[in-house]
Every structure is written in C-alpha cells, then in structure tokens.
C-alpha cells in the first residue's frame, strides 16, 4: 500500500473533509479560522499536516489568498460528495430513531410528468406517511450532475437520450405524446377543421433552446410547413404556459396528460393536429452505482402504479 493509499484509507477524517471544503469556499485561512471557531495557527497546522500526509500540495499560497491546485480541486470535489453522503446517513438515522421512514430527494423536469409525479406522491404518503419528500425542478443538464453526485435520489420526467445516461439506470413509465394547445378563447379553438398552415399567423410558447423537446418540435413543424417566427416566449413552467395561454393567442406544446387535465382551473383547448413521437417516454432515473434506499424503492413502485393508472385512464378515453 502506497503512502497516499494508506492516508486516504486509514487516516483521512471527516474533519479533514470539512476543512478542505471550508478553505475552498473562503480561500482565506483567517476567514476559515473565524467561521470554524478555531485559531489561525491551528487551521494552518491542520492543512500542513493534511498535505504532508498525502504528499501533495492542495493549495497554493498567493497574495490574493489560497488557490487550489489540481490535486486540491480533485480532493475538494470528492470531499463535498462524501460530506453529502454522511449528511444523508445522519438524516436517515435521525428519521429512523424518530419513528419515520426516511427522506427522498427527487428532481423533476418542468412541463414533464407533472400529473404522474403528483399521483405517485399521493400514493406514497398513503402508504408511508412518515416518508418525506423534497422535490426540486430543473433541466436535464442541471439535474443529472446532482443525481450523479448523490444530491438527488431520483429524477422523474422525460427520459433523456440513452447516450446521456452513462452510469444511470432508468425505468420507462408512461408513453406520453405531446399536443399543440391554446386557450379556450383562441381563434383556432373555434374552427371545426384545421390545417397546419392555419398556425402560421400566431405566436408561440416554446421550450428553451437546449431542452429535450425544442429541436424535435422545430423539425416536426418545419416538416409541415410551419417554420417558427421570432414571435415567441421560452419557458418550461406549466404555470406560466397555462396563464399566458388564457390571455393571448399563443400556441404551446404540452404533454398530453397535462393538456387534458380537466380538473385544472385554467382548461386548455387541444388542436386536432397530430405530432409524431418527439420524445422518449416519461420515466424515472437513479444512480446505479449508489443504488436505491428503501424509501426510494417505495417511490419507484408508486411511480409505476401511478403510470399504470394513467395509462388505463388514457385507454378508456380513446
């Protein structure tokens, strides 16, 4: 065993991890000493001992403060991940000792699988009231790194392209086509028959550039002779989309289950124009390296049951 291996496996402590993260955050030993309530000489000594034990220089001392070396950047990144795992373990142990079942952190893609997640959460709370859930909205680009680092247990929404998944495991849940929608007051909502060219005069609410839906939507519309104009709004927020459709002549694209949510106070009109399959199904992702906690496994089963119910409801409507 090398000196580096020995130090990392035997001598590296949680206090070293906290020290690294704090130094990287403040880049000034005096500030580190102040926020950690430790004397400046003690902070300096701890860093020196850590670097000596590893045999590596982690930070370069400059007139502007401490600057991490490539070794420092690497170890600090892993220190943050390890501390997060320790915090998760602490929270799970506290939950167990308090008689609750645990906590799940879920990332959800906006304008995607909204009703699916809502119904699954309802099932979860009926089956395990003590299992608490934190839901965070974000894009694929922002949520996948959080899932990889262990900051999220699951991501629910449109599944990304397989080549973006690497070490993630996925489960398809619901084949959910997208539809073109307007407000009930829209001029096109009153037409009994509709041609693609009828869309040309109207503005759009579009998913942002770089989102899963944007490129395939543009290609589908162009194939029908409806190139997008410069008159549009970009958002993934269902709330903004619904609200703006009520007061404008915009056209938007929305998942079929969300568009047909008859219980919503802002009902929409679905245009009778069929789009091809533009996206992969809605599903759930997790980090296959980290695996699933019992609470996360329960959530996946609730998602599967909710997806089955939605599919059965859609079948009845058709």
C-alpha atoms as a PDB file:
ATOM      1  CA  UNK A   1       0.000   0.000   0.000  1.00  0.00           C
ATOM      2  CA  UNK A   2       1.413   3.390  -1.018  1.00  0.00           C
ATOM      3  CA  UNK A   3       1.649   6.311   1.372  1.00  0.00           C
ATOM      4  CA  UNK A   4      -1.234   8.021  -0.449  1.00  0.00           C
ATOM      5  CA  UNK A   5      -3.423   4.891  -0.261  1.00  0.00           C
ATOM      6  CA  UNK A   6      -2.643   4.460   3.435  1.00  0.00           C
ATOM      7  CA  UNK A   7      -3.505   8.048   4.281  1.00  0.00           C
ATOM      8  CA  UNK A   8      -6.771   8.086   2.306  1.00  0.00           C
ATOM      9  CA  UNK A   9      -7.968   4.738   3.664  1.00  0.00           C
ATOM     10  CA  UNK A  10      -6.725   4.914   7.242  1.00  0.00           C
ATOM     11  CA  UNK A  11      -6.037   8.466   8.342  1.00  0.00           C
ATOM     12  CA  UNK A  12      -8.403  10.735   6.397  1.00  0.00           C
ATOM     13  CA  UNK A  13     -11.136  12.001   8.749  1.00  0.00           C
ATOM     14  CA  UNK A  14     -14.399  13.875   8.327  1.00  0.00           C
ATOM     15  CA  UNK A  15     -12.743  16.958   9.890  1.00  0.00           C
ATOM     16  CA  UNK A  16     -10.249  16.930   7.008  1.00  0.00           C
ATOM     17  CA  UNK A  17     -13.115  16.902   4.518  1.00  0.00           C
ATOM     18  CA  UNK A  18     -14.816  19.841   6.252  1.00  0.00           C
ATOM     19  CA  UNK A  19     -11.515  21.739   6.360  1.00  0.00           C
ATOM     20  CA  UNK A  20     -10.979  21.277   2.619  1.00  0.00           C
ATOM     21  CA  UNK A  21     -14.475  22.427   1.728  1.00  0.00           C
ATOM     22  CA  UNK A  22     -14.258  25.463   4.027  1.00  0.00           C
ATOM     23  CA  UNK A  23     -10.849  26.516   2.673  1.00  0.00           C
ATOM     24  CA  UNK A  24     -12.088  26.118  -0.893  1.00  0.00           C
ATOM     25  CA  UNK A  25     -15.146  28.232  -0.057  1.00  0.00           C
ATOM     26  CA  UNK A  26     -13.349  31.156   1.613  1.00  0.00           C
ATOM     27  CA  UNK A  27      -9.819  30.888   0.145  1.00  0.00           C
ATOM     28  CA  UNK A  28      -8.512  32.715   3.231  1.00  0.00           C
ATOM     29  CA  UNK A  29      -7.204  30.998   6.375  1.00  0.00           C
ATOM     30  CA  UNK A  30      -8.195  33.874   8.667  1.00  0.00           C
ATOM     31  CA  UNK A  31     -11.820  33.608   7.492  1.00  0.00           C
ATOM     32  CA  UNK A  32     -11.686  29.830   7.815  1.00  0.00           C
ATOM     33  CA  UNK A  33     -10.483  30.198  11.395  1.00  0.00           C
ATOM     34  CA  UNK A  34     -13.281  32.669  12.124  1.00  0.00           C
ATOM     35  CA  UNK A  35     -16.136  30.589  10.734  1.00  0.00           C
ATOM     36  CA  UNK A  36     -14.872  27.327  12.242  1.00  0.00           C
ATOM     37  CA  UNK A  37     -14.104  28.922  15.632  1.00  0.00           C
ATOM     38  CA  UNK A  38     -10.542  27.577  15.551  1.00  0.00           C
ATOM     39  CA  UNK A  39      -7.340  29.595  15.908  1.00  0.00           C
ATOM     40  CA  UNK A  40      -5.476  30.593  12.761  1.00  0.00           C
ATOM     41  CA  UNK A  41      -2.325  28.616  13.731  1.00  0.00           C
ATOM     42  CA  UNK A  42      -4.482  25.504  14.274  1.00  0.00           C
ATOM     43  CA  UNK A  43      -6.084  25.848  10.823  1.00  0.00           C
ATOM     44  CA  UNK A  44      -2.707  26.349   9.181  1.00  0.00           C
ATOM     45  CA  UNK A  45      -1.262  23.363  11.039  1.00  0.00           C
ATOM     46  CA  UNK A  46      -4.159  21.103  10.032  1.00  0.00           C
ATOM     47  CA  UNK A  47      -3.752  21.997   6.361  1.00  0.00           C
ATOM     48  CA  UNK A  48       0.004  21.442   6.522  1.00  0.00           C
ATOM     49  CA  UNK A  49      -0.482  18.044   8.185  1.00  0.00           C
ATOM     50  CA  UNK A  50      -3.039  17.039   5.560  1.00  0.00           C
ATOM     51  CA  UNK A  51      -0.764  17.993   2.685  1.00  0.00           C
ATOM     52  CA  UNK A  52       2.215  16.266   4.300  1.00  0.00           C
ATOM     53  CA  UNK A  53       0.202  13.095   4.917  1.00  0.00           C
ATOM     54  CA  UNK A  54      -0.977  12.975   1.309  1.00  0.00           C
ATOM     55  CA  UNK A  55       2.376  14.019  -0.074  1.00  0.00           C
ATOM     56  CA  UNK A  56       0.581  16.558  -2.266  1.00  0.00           C
ATOM     57  CA  UNK A  57       0.218  20.349  -2.394  1.00  0.00           C
ATOM     58  CA  UNK A  58      -3.507  21.080  -2.249  1.00  0.00           C
ATOM     59  CA  UNK A  59      -3.485  24.887  -2.199  1.00  0.00           C
ATOM     60  CA  UNK A  60      -1.040  27.478  -3.488  1.00  0.00           C
ATOM     61  CA  UNK A  61      -0.490  30.499  -1.241  1.00  0.00           C
ATOM     62  CA  UNK A  62      -0.788  33.756  -3.234  1.00  0.00           C
ATOM     63  CA  UNK A  63      -1.210  37.435  -2.402  1.00  0.00           C
ATOM     64  CA  UNK A  64      -4.903  37.085  -3.279  1.00  0.00           C
ATOM     65  CA  UNK A  65      -5.380  34.085  -0.980  1.00  0.00           C
ATOM     66  CA  UNK A  66      -5.325  30.331  -1.353  1.00  0.00           C
ATOM     67  CA  UNK A  67      -5.767  28.864  -4.837  1.00  0.00           C
ATOM     68  CA  UNK A  68      -6.478  25.128  -5.180  1.00  0.00           C
ATOM     69  CA  UNK A  69      -4.037  23.070  -7.217  1.00  0.00           C
ATOM     70  CA  UNK A  70      -5.406  20.324  -9.498  1.00  0.00           C
ATOM     71  CA  UNK A  71      -4.909  17.949  -6.530  1.00  0.00           C
ATOM     72  CA  UNK A  72      -6.848  20.333  -4.302  1.00  0.00           C
ATOM     73  CA  UNK A  73      -9.687  20.697  -6.813  1.00  0.00           C
ATOM     74  CA  UNK A  74      -9.952  16.915  -7.154  1.00  0.00           C
ATOM     75  CA  UNK A  75      -9.924  16.130  -3.438  1.00  0.00           C
ATOM     76  CA  UNK A  76     -12.281  19.009  -2.558  1.00  0.00           C
ATOM     77  CA  UNK A  77     -14.814  17.845  -5.137  1.00  0.00           C
ATOM     78  CA  UNK A  78     -14.825  14.374  -3.607  1.00  0.00           C
ATOM     79  CA  UNK A  79     -14.873  15.845  -0.095  1.00  0.00           C
ATOM     80  CA  UNK A  80     -18.120  17.666  -0.872  1.00  0.00           C
ATOM     81  CA  UNK A  81     -19.668  14.448  -2.200  1.00  0.00           C
ATOM     82  CA  UNK A  82     -18.538  12.419   0.821  1.00  0.00           C
ATOM     83  CA  UNK A  83     -19.859  15.000   3.281  1.00  0.00           C
ATOM     84  CA  UNK A  84     -23.206  14.976   1.489  1.00  0.00           C
ATOM     85  CA  UNK A  85     -23.375  11.180   1.845  1.00  0.00           C
ATOM     86  CA  UNK A  86     -22.575  11.499   5.561  1.00  0.00           C
ATOM     87  CA  UNK A  87     -25.336  14.100   5.950  1.00  0.00           C
ATOM     88  CA  UNK A  88     -27.769  11.764   4.180  1.00  0.00           C
ATOM     89  CA  UNK A  89     -26.811   8.947   6.532  1.00  0.00           C
ATOM     90  CA  UNK A  90     -27.313  11.267   9.507  1.00  0.00           C
ATOM     91  CA  UNK A  91     -30.761  12.320   8.278  1.00  0.00           C
ATOM     92  CA  UNK A  92     -31.795   8.718   7.628  1.00  0.00           C
ATOM     93  CA  UNK A  93     -30.618   7.600  11.072  1.00  0.00           C
ATOM     94  CA  UNK A  94     -32.451  10.513  12.711  1.00  0.00           C
ATOM     95  CA  UNK A  95     -35.604   9.637  10.794  1.00  0.00           C
ATOM     96  CA  UNK A  96     -35.390   6.010  11.872  1.00  0.00           C
ATOM     97  CA  UNK A  97     -34.818   6.943  15.510  1.00  0.00           C
ATOM     98  CA  UNK A  98     -37.789   9.334  15.375  1.00  0.00           C
ATOM     99  CA  UNK A  99     -40.041   6.608  14.001  1.00  0.00           C
ATOM    100  CA  UNK A 100     -40.233   7.994  10.450  1.00  0.00           C
ATOM    101  CA  UNK A 101     -39.245   6.038   7.368  1.00  0.00           C
ATOM    102  CA  UNK A 102     -36.779   8.390   5.694  1.00  0.00           C
ATOM    103  CA  UNK A 103     -36.499  11.142   3.125  1.00  0.00           C
ATOM    104  CA  UNK A 104     -36.338  11.135  -0.664  1.00  0.00           C
ATOM    105  CA  UNK A 105     -34.916  13.919  -2.810  1.00  0.00           C
ATOM    106  CA  UNK A 106     -36.459  13.961  -6.283  1.00  0.00           C
ATOM    107  CA  UNK A 107     -35.539  16.049  -9.288  1.00  0.00           C
ATOM    108  CA  UNK A 108     -38.375  16.682 -11.729  1.00  0.00           C
ATOM    109  CA  UNK A 109     -38.191  18.063 -15.245  1.00  0.00           C
ATOM    110  CA  UNK A 110     -40.589  21.026 -15.650  1.00  0.00           C
ATOM    111  CA  UNK A 111     -43.530  20.594 -18.026  1.00  0.00           C
ATOM    112  CA  UNK A 112     -42.924  16.848 -17.844  1.00  0.00           C
ATOM    113  CA  UNK A 113     -44.613  14.064 -15.863  1.00  0.00           C
ATOM    114  CA  UNK A 114     -46.355  16.632 -13.666  1.00  0.00           C
ATOM    115  CA  UNK A 115     -49.525  14.578 -13.110  1.00  0.00           C
ATOM    116  CA  UNK A 116     -47.558  11.318 -12.878  1.00  0.00           C
ATOM    117  CA  UNK A 117     -45.412  12.627 -10.031  1.00  0.00           C
ATOM    118  CA  UNK A 118     -48.390  14.170  -8.232  1.00  0.00           C
ATOM    119  CA  UNK A 119     -50.322  10.899  -8.230  1.00  0.00           C
ATOM    120  CA  UNK A 120     -47.250   8.900  -7.201  1.00  0.00           C
ATOM    121  CA  UNK A 121     -46.614  11.243  -4.266  1.00  0.00           C
ATOM    122  CA  UNK A 122     -50.214  10.794  -3.175  1.00  0.00           C
ATOM    123  CA  UNK A 123     -49.779   7.004  -3.214  1.00  0.00           C
ATOM    124  CA  UNK A 124     -46.514   7.288  -1.284  1.00  0.00           C
ATOM    125  CA  UNK A 125     -47.995   9.414   1.506  1.00  0.00           C
ATOM    126  CA  UNK A 126     -50.921   6.996   1.877  1.00  0.00           C
ATOM    127  CA  UNK A 127     -48.579   4.029   2.186  1.00  0.00           C
ATOM    128  CA  UNK A 128     -45.835   5.653   4.220  1.00  0.00           C
ATOM    129  CA  UNK A 129     -46.856   8.969   5.834  1.00  0.00           C
ATOM    130  CA  UNK A 130     -43.500   9.183   7.593  1.00  0.00           C
ATOM    131  CA  UNK A 131     -41.525   9.160   4.346  1.00  0.00           C
ATOM    132  CA  UNK A 132     -40.813  12.787   3.494  1.00  0.00           C
ATOM    133  CA  UNK A 133     -40.004  14.082   0.021  1.00  0.00           C
ATOM    134  CA  UNK A 134     -38.115  17.065  -1.314  1.00  0.00           C
ATOM    135  CA  UNK A 135     -38.916  17.919  -4.950  1.00  0.00           C
ATOM    136  CA  UNK A 136     -36.609  20.140  -6.994  1.00  0.00           C
ATOM    137  CA  UNK A 137     -37.372  21.341 -10.523  1.00  0.00           C
ATOM    138  CA  UNK A 138     -34.585  21.664 -13.055  1.00  0.00           C
ATOM    139  CA  UNK A 139     -33.378  20.873 -16.557  1.00  0.00           C
ATOM    140  CA  UNK A 140     -31.744  17.612 -17.591  1.00  0.00           C
ATOM    141  CA  UNK A 141     -28.388  19.398 -17.743  1.00  0.00           C
ATOM    142  CA  UNK A 142     -28.709  20.659 -14.155  1.00  0.00           C
ATOM    143  CA  UNK A 143     -30.281  17.570 -12.551  1.00  0.00           C
ATOM    144  CA  UNK A 144     -28.107  14.766 -13.945  1.00  0.00           C
ATOM    145  CA  UNK A 145     -24.927  16.026 -12.184  1.00  0.00           C
ATOM    146  CA  UNK A 146     -26.898  16.305  -8.933  1.00  0.00           C
ATOM    147  CA  UNK A 147     -28.052  12.703  -9.332  1.00  0.00           C
ATOM    148  CA  UNK A 148     -24.522  11.553 -10.074  1.00  0.00           C
ATOM    149  CA  UNK A 149     -23.110  13.321  -7.008  1.00  0.00           C
ATOM    150  CA  UNK A 150     -25.760  11.814  -4.732  1.00  0.00           C
ATOM    151  CA  UNK A 151     -27.630  15.064  -4.066  1.00  0.00           C
ATOM    152  CA  UNK A 152     -30.767  13.507  -5.602  1.00  0.00           C
ATOM    153  CA  UNK A 153     -32.193  10.001  -5.220  1.00  0.00           C
ATOM    154  CA  UNK A 154     -34.353  10.039  -8.353  1.00  0.00           C
ATOM    155  CA  UNK A 155     -35.162  12.112 -11.426  1.00  0.00           C
ATOM    156  CA  UNK A 156     -38.693  11.917 -12.818  1.00  0.00           C
ATOM    157  CA  UNK A 157     -39.614  13.181 -16.269  1.00  0.00           C
ATOM    158  CA  UNK A 158     -38.931  12.660 -19.945  1.00  0.00           C
ATOM    159  CA  UNK A 159     -36.060  10.220 -20.269  1.00  0.00           C
ATOM    160  CA  UNK A 160     -33.022  11.730 -21.988  1.00  0.00           C
ATOM    161  CA  UNK A 161     -31.225  10.114 -24.901  1.00  0.00           C
ATOM    162  CA  UNK A 162     -29.548   6.841 -23.847  1.00  0.00           C
ATOM    163  CA  UNK A 163     -26.077   8.186 -24.668  1.00  0.00           C
ATOM    164  CA  UNK A 164     -26.503  10.806 -21.915  1.00  0.00           C
ATOM    165  CA  UNK A 165     -27.145   8.246 -19.175  1.00  0.00           C
ATOM    166  CA  UNK A 166     -23.735   6.615 -18.614  1.00  0.00           C
ATOM    167  CA  UNK A 167     -23.953   5.152 -15.071  1.00  0.00           C
ATOM    168  CA  UNK A 168     -27.645   5.843 -14.568  1.00  0.00           C
ATOM    169  CA  UNK A 169     -30.360   3.226 -14.509  1.00  0.00           C
ATOM    170  CA  UNK A 170     -33.735   4.060 -15.996  1.00  0.00           C
ATOM    171  CA  UNK A 171     -37.261   2.703 -15.952  1.00  0.00           C
ATOM    172  CA  UNK A 172     -39.804   3.689 -18.591  1.00  0.00           C
ATOM    173  CA  UNK A 173     -43.135   4.541 -17.013  1.00  0.00           C
ATOM    174  CA  UNK A 174     -45.531   6.269 -19.355  1.00  0.00           C
ATOM    175  CA  UNK A 175     -45.714   6.803 -23.096  1.00  0.00           C
ATOM    176  CA  UNK A 176     -46.949  10.381 -23.132  1.00  0.00           C
ATOM    177  CA  UNK A 177     -47.437  12.067 -26.526  1.00  0.00           C
ATOM    178  CA  UNK A 178     -47.269  15.823 -26.821  1.00  0.00           C
ATOM    179  CA  UNK A 179     -50.063  18.003 -28.154  1.00  0.00           C
ATOM    180  CA  UNK A 180     -50.459  21.509 -29.511  1.00  0.00           C
ATOM    181  CA  UNK A 181     -52.651  23.569 -27.178  1.00  0.00           C
ATOM    182  CA  UNK A 182     -54.232  27.010 -26.939  1.00  0.00           C
ATOM    183  CA  UNK A 183     -56.524  28.841 -24.587  1.00  0.00           C
ATOM    184  CA  UNK A 184     -60.265  28.249 -24.963  1.00  0.00           C
ATOM    185  CA  UNK A 185     -60.676  31.786 -26.334  1.00  0.00           C
ATOM    186  CA  UNK A 186     -58.155  31.304 -29.168  1.00  0.00           C
ATOM    187  CA  UNK A 187     -59.496  31.848 -32.734  1.00  0.00           C
ATOM    188  CA  UNK A 188     -58.293  28.364 -33.740  1.00  0.00           C
ATOM    189  CA  UNK A 189     -60.279  26.798 -30.881  1.00  0.00           C
ATOM    190  CA  UNK A 190     -63.481  27.770 -32.711  1.00  0.00           C
ATOM    191  CA  UNK A 191     -62.525  26.143 -36.027  1.00  0.00           C
ATOM    192  CA  UNK A 192     -64.081  22.745 -36.743  1.00  0.00           C
ATOM    193  CA  UNK A 193     -61.404  21.759 -39.243  1.00  0.00           C
ATOM    194  CA  UNK A 194     -57.784  22.796 -39.088  1.00  0.00           C
ATOM    195  CA  UNK A 195     -54.814  22.810 -41.447  1.00  0.00           C
ATOM    196  CA  UNK A 196     -51.160  23.192 -40.452  1.00  0.00           C
ATOM    197  CA  UNK A 197     -50.998  26.456 -42.397  1.00  0.00           C
ATOM    198  CA  UNK A 198     -53.649  27.879 -40.032  1.00  0.00           C
ATOM    199  CA  UNK A 199     -50.930  28.068 -37.350  1.00  0.00           C
ATOM    200  CA  UNK A 200     -48.731  30.473 -39.313  1.00  0.00           C
ATOM    201  CA  UNK A 201     -50.110  33.837 -38.037  1.00  0.00           C
ATOM    202  CA  UNK A 202     -49.843  33.031 -34.344  1.00  0.00           C
ATOM    203  CA  UNK A 203     -47.079  33.444 -31.749  1.00  0.00           C
ATOM    204  CA  UNK A 204     -45.666  30.534 -29.749  1.00  0.00           C
ATOM    205  CA  UNK A 205     -44.701  29.474 -26.253  1.00  0.00           C
ATOM    206  CA  UNK A 206     -41.678  27.233 -26.767  1.00  0.00           C
ATOM    207  CA  UNK A 207     -39.403  25.071 -24.632  1.00  0.00           C
ATOM    208  CA  UNK A 208     -35.994  26.773 -24.357  1.00  0.00           C
ATOM    209  CA  UNK A 209     -33.160  26.033 -26.762  1.00  0.00           C
ATOM    210  CA  UNK A 210     -31.244  23.008 -25.496  1.00  0.00           C
ATOM    211  CA  UNK A 211     -34.263  21.394 -23.821  1.00  0.00           C
ATOM    212  CA  UNK A 212     -35.276  17.873 -24.867  1.00  0.00           C
ATOM    213  CA  UNK A 213     -38.312  18.996 -26.845  1.00  0.00           C
ATOM    214  CA  UNK A 214     -37.081  22.084 -28.701  1.00  0.00           C
ATOM    215  CA  UNK A 215     -35.148  20.589 -31.636  1.00  0.00           C
ATOM    216  CA  UNK A 216     -37.585  17.757 -32.477  1.00  0.00           C
ATOM    217  CA  UNK A 217     -40.509  20.196 -32.234  1.00  0.00           C
ATOM    218  CA  UNK A 218     -38.890  22.629 -34.666  1.00  0.00           C
ATOM    219  CA  UNK A 219     -38.150  19.808 -37.128  1.00  0.00           C
ATOM    220  CA  UNK A 220     -41.715  18.494 -36.932  1.00  0.00           C
ATOM    221  CA  UNK A 221     -43.236  21.925 -37.530  1.00  0.00           C
ATOM    222  CA  UNK A 222     -40.900  22.665 -40.433  1.00  0.00           C
ATOM    223  CA  UNK A 223     -41.864  19.339 -41.998  1.00  0.00           C
ATOM    224  CA  UNK A 224     -45.477  20.590 -42.001  1.00  0.00           C
ATOM    225  CA  UNK A 225     -44.512  23.957 -43.486  1.00  0.00           C
ATOM    226  CA  UNK A 226     -44.754  25.874 -40.185  1.00  0.00           C
ATOM    227  CA  UNK A 227     -41.319  27.429 -39.564  1.00  0.00           C
ATOM    228  CA  UNK A 228     -41.125  29.231 -36.244  1.00  0.00           C
ATOM    229  CA  UNK A 229     -41.102  33.008 -36.350  1.00  0.00           C
ATOM    230  CA  UNK A 230     -39.293  35.356 -33.955  1.00  0.00           C
ATOM    231  CA  UNK A 231     -42.542  35.967 -32.067  1.00  0.00           C
ATOM    232  CA  UNK A 232     -42.319  33.568 -29.124  1.00  0.00           C
ATOM    233  CA  UNK A 233     -41.792  33.149 -25.382  1.00  0.00           C
ATOM    234  CA  UNK A 234     -39.479  30.457 -23.985  1.00  0.00           C
ATOM    235  CA  UNK A 235     -40.335  28.684 -20.745  1.00  0.00           C
ATOM    236  CA  UNK A 236     -40.715  25.229 -19.200  1.00  0.00           C
ATOM    237  CA  UNK A 237     -43.047  26.458 -16.464  1.00  0.00           C
ATOM    238  CA  UNK A 238     -46.505  24.885 -16.728  1.00  0.00           C
ATOM    239  CA  UNK A 239     -47.916  27.704 -14.611  1.00  0.00           C
ATOM    240  CA  UNK A 240     -46.596  30.384 -16.951  1.00  0.00           C
ATOM    241  CA  UNK A 241     -47.693  28.442 -20.048  1.00  0.00           C
ATOM    242  CA  UNK A 242     -51.250  27.958 -18.796  1.00  0.00           C
ATOM    243  CA  UNK A 243     -51.606  31.524 -17.542  1.00  0.00           C
ATOM    244  CA  UNK A 244     -50.288  33.100 -20.743  1.00  0.00           C
ATOM    245  CA  UNK A 245     -52.473  30.945 -22.989  1.00  0.00           C
ATOM    246  CA  UNK A 246     -55.518  32.364 -21.185  1.00  0.00           C
ATOM    247  CA  UNK A 247     -54.668  35.953 -22.134  1.00  0.00           C
ATOM    248  CA  UNK A 248     -53.021  35.569 -25.543  1.00  0.00           C
ATOM    249  CA  UNK A 249     -53.313  33.962 -28.968  1.00  0.00           C
ATOM    250  CA  UNK A 250     -50.182  31.895 -28.395  1.00  0.00           C
ATOM    251  CA  UNK A 251     -49.836  28.231 -29.290  1.00  0.00           C
ATOM    252  CA  UNK A 252     -47.894  25.933 -26.972  1.00  0.00           C
ATOM    253  CA  UNK A 253     -46.832  22.307 -26.860  1.00  0.00           C
ATOM    254  CA  UNK A 254     -47.623  20.228 -23.789  1.00  0.00           C
ATOM    255  CA  UNK A 255     -47.651  16.626 -22.599  1.00  0.00           C
ATOM    256  CA  UNK A 256     -50.996  15.029 -23.364  1.00  0.00           C
ATOM    257  CA  UNK A 257     -51.942  14.266 -19.745  1.00  0.00           C
ATOM    258  CA  UNK A 258     -51.212  17.842 -18.673  1.00  0.00           C
ATOM    259  CA  UNK A 259     -53.128  19.290 -21.618  1.00  0.00           C
ATOM    260  CA  UNK A 260     -56.190  17.173 -20.769  1.00  0.00           C
ATOM    261  CA  UNK A 261     -56.166  17.907 -17.040  1.00  0.00           C
ATOM    262  CA  UNK A 262     -59.879  18.700 -16.839  1.00  0.00           C
ATOM    263  CA  UNK A 263     -59.691  19.465 -13.137  1.00  0.00           C
ATOM    264  CA  UNK A 264     -57.362  22.397 -13.674  1.00  0.00           C
ATOM    265  CA  UNK A 265     -58.906  25.876 -13.173  1.00  0.00           C
ATOM    266  CA  UNK A 266     -57.357  27.005 -16.488  1.00  0.00           C
ATOM    267  CA  UNK A 267     -58.684  24.485 -19.056  1.00  0.00           C
ATOM    268  CA  UNK A 268     -56.983  24.356 -22.443  1.00  0.00           C
ATOM    269  CA  UNK A 269     -58.019  23.505 -25.981  1.00  0.00           C
ATOM    270  CA  UNK A 270     -56.087  20.790 -27.813  1.00  0.00           C
ATOM    271  CA  UNK A 271     -55.665  21.449 -31.520  1.00  0.00           C
ATOM    272  CA  UNK A 272     -56.659  18.483 -33.743  1.00  0.00           C
ATOM    273  CA  UNK A 273     -53.232  18.204 -35.370  1.00  0.00           C
ATOM    274  CA  UNK A 274     -51.142  15.133 -34.612  1.00  0.00           C
ATOM    275  CA  UNK A 275     -47.437  15.414 -33.905  1.00  0.00           C
ATOM    276  CA  UNK A 276     -45.130  12.433 -34.364  1.00  0.00           C
ATOM    277  CA  UNK A 277     -43.404  10.902 -31.350  1.00  0.00           C
ATOM    278  CA  UNK A 278     -40.954  13.650 -30.454  1.00  0.00           C
ATOM    279  CA  UNK A 279     -39.573  12.383 -27.155  1.00  0.00           C
ATOM    280  CA  UNK A 280     -38.823   9.246 -25.216  1.00  0.00           C
ATOM    281  CA  UNK A 281     -41.396   8.116 -22.612  1.00  0.00           C
ATOM    282  CA  UNK A 282     -41.669   9.628 -19.164  1.00  0.00           C
ATOM    283  CA  UNK A 283     -39.697   7.611 -16.655  1.00  0.00           C
ATOM    284  CA  UNK A 284     -37.504   7.567 -13.579  1.00  0.00           C
ATOM    285  CA  UNK A 285     -33.703   7.617 -13.311  1.00  0.00           C
ATOM    286  CA  UNK A 286     -31.322   6.763 -10.498  1.00  0.00           C
ATOM    287  CA  UNK A 287     -27.602   6.320  -9.990  1.00  0.00           C
ATOM    288  CA  UNK A 288     -26.863   2.623 -10.480  1.00  0.00           C
ATOM    289  CA  UNK A 289     -23.566   2.962  -8.587  1.00  0.00           C
ATOM    290  CA  UNK A 290     -25.248   4.277  -5.430  1.00  0.00           C
ATOM    291  CA  UNK A 291     -28.394   2.184  -5.696  1.00  0.00           C
ATOM    292  CA  UNK A 292     -31.734   2.981  -4.066  1.00  0.00           C
ATOM    293  CA  UNK A 293     -32.657   3.410  -0.417  1.00  0.00           C
ATOM    294  CA  UNK A 294     -35.783   1.533   0.776  1.00  0.00           C
ATOM    295  CA  UNK A 295     -37.726   4.823   0.635  1.00  0.00           C
ATOM    296  CA  UNK A 296     -36.617   5.471  -2.938  1.00  0.00           C
ATOM    297  CA  UNK A 297     -37.564   1.905  -3.906  1.00  0.00           C
ATOM    298  CA  UNK A 298     -41.039   2.531  -2.495  1.00  0.00           C
ATOM    299  CA  UNK A 299     -41.281   5.751  -4.514  1.00  0.00           C
ATOM    300  CA  UNK A 300     -40.344   3.914  -7.715  1.00  0.00           C
ATOM    301  CA  UNK A 301     -43.121   1.364  -7.079  1.00  0.00           C
ATOM    302  CA  UNK A 302     -45.593   4.236  -6.503  1.00  0.00           C
ATOM    303  CA  UNK A 303     -44.491   5.830  -9.786  1.00  0.00           C
ATOM    304  CA  UNK A 304     -45.048   2.530 -11.586  1.00  0.00           C
ATOM    305  CA  UNK A 305     -48.559   2.159 -10.143  1.00  0.00           C
ATOM    306  CA  UNK A 306     -49.450   5.789 -10.928  1.00  0.00           C
ATOM    307  CA  UNK A 307     -48.197   5.333 -14.511  1.00  0.00           C
ATOM    308  CA  UNK A 308     -50.328   2.196 -14.896  1.00  0.00           C
ATOM    309  CA  UNK A 309     -53.438   4.038 -13.690  1.00  0.00           C
ATOM    310  CA  UNK A 310     -52.815   6.962 -16.069  1.00  0.00           C
ATOM    311  CA  UNK A 311     -52.301   4.584 -18.991  1.00  0.00           C
ATOM    312  CA  UNK A 312     -55.587   2.810 -18.180  1.00  0.00           C
ATOM    313  CA  UNK A 313     -57.424   6.156 -17.964  1.00  0.00           C
ATOM    314  CA  UNK A 314     -55.994   7.249 -21.321  1.00  0.00           C
ATOM    315  CA  UNK A 315     -57.077   3.937 -22.875  1.00  0.00           C
ATOM    316  CA  UNK A 316     -60.656   4.463 -21.678  1.00  0.00           C
ATOM    317  CA  UNK A 317     -60.779   7.966 -23.191  1.00  0.00           C
ATOM    318  CA  UNK A 318     -59.732   6.632 -26.565  1.00  0.00           C
END
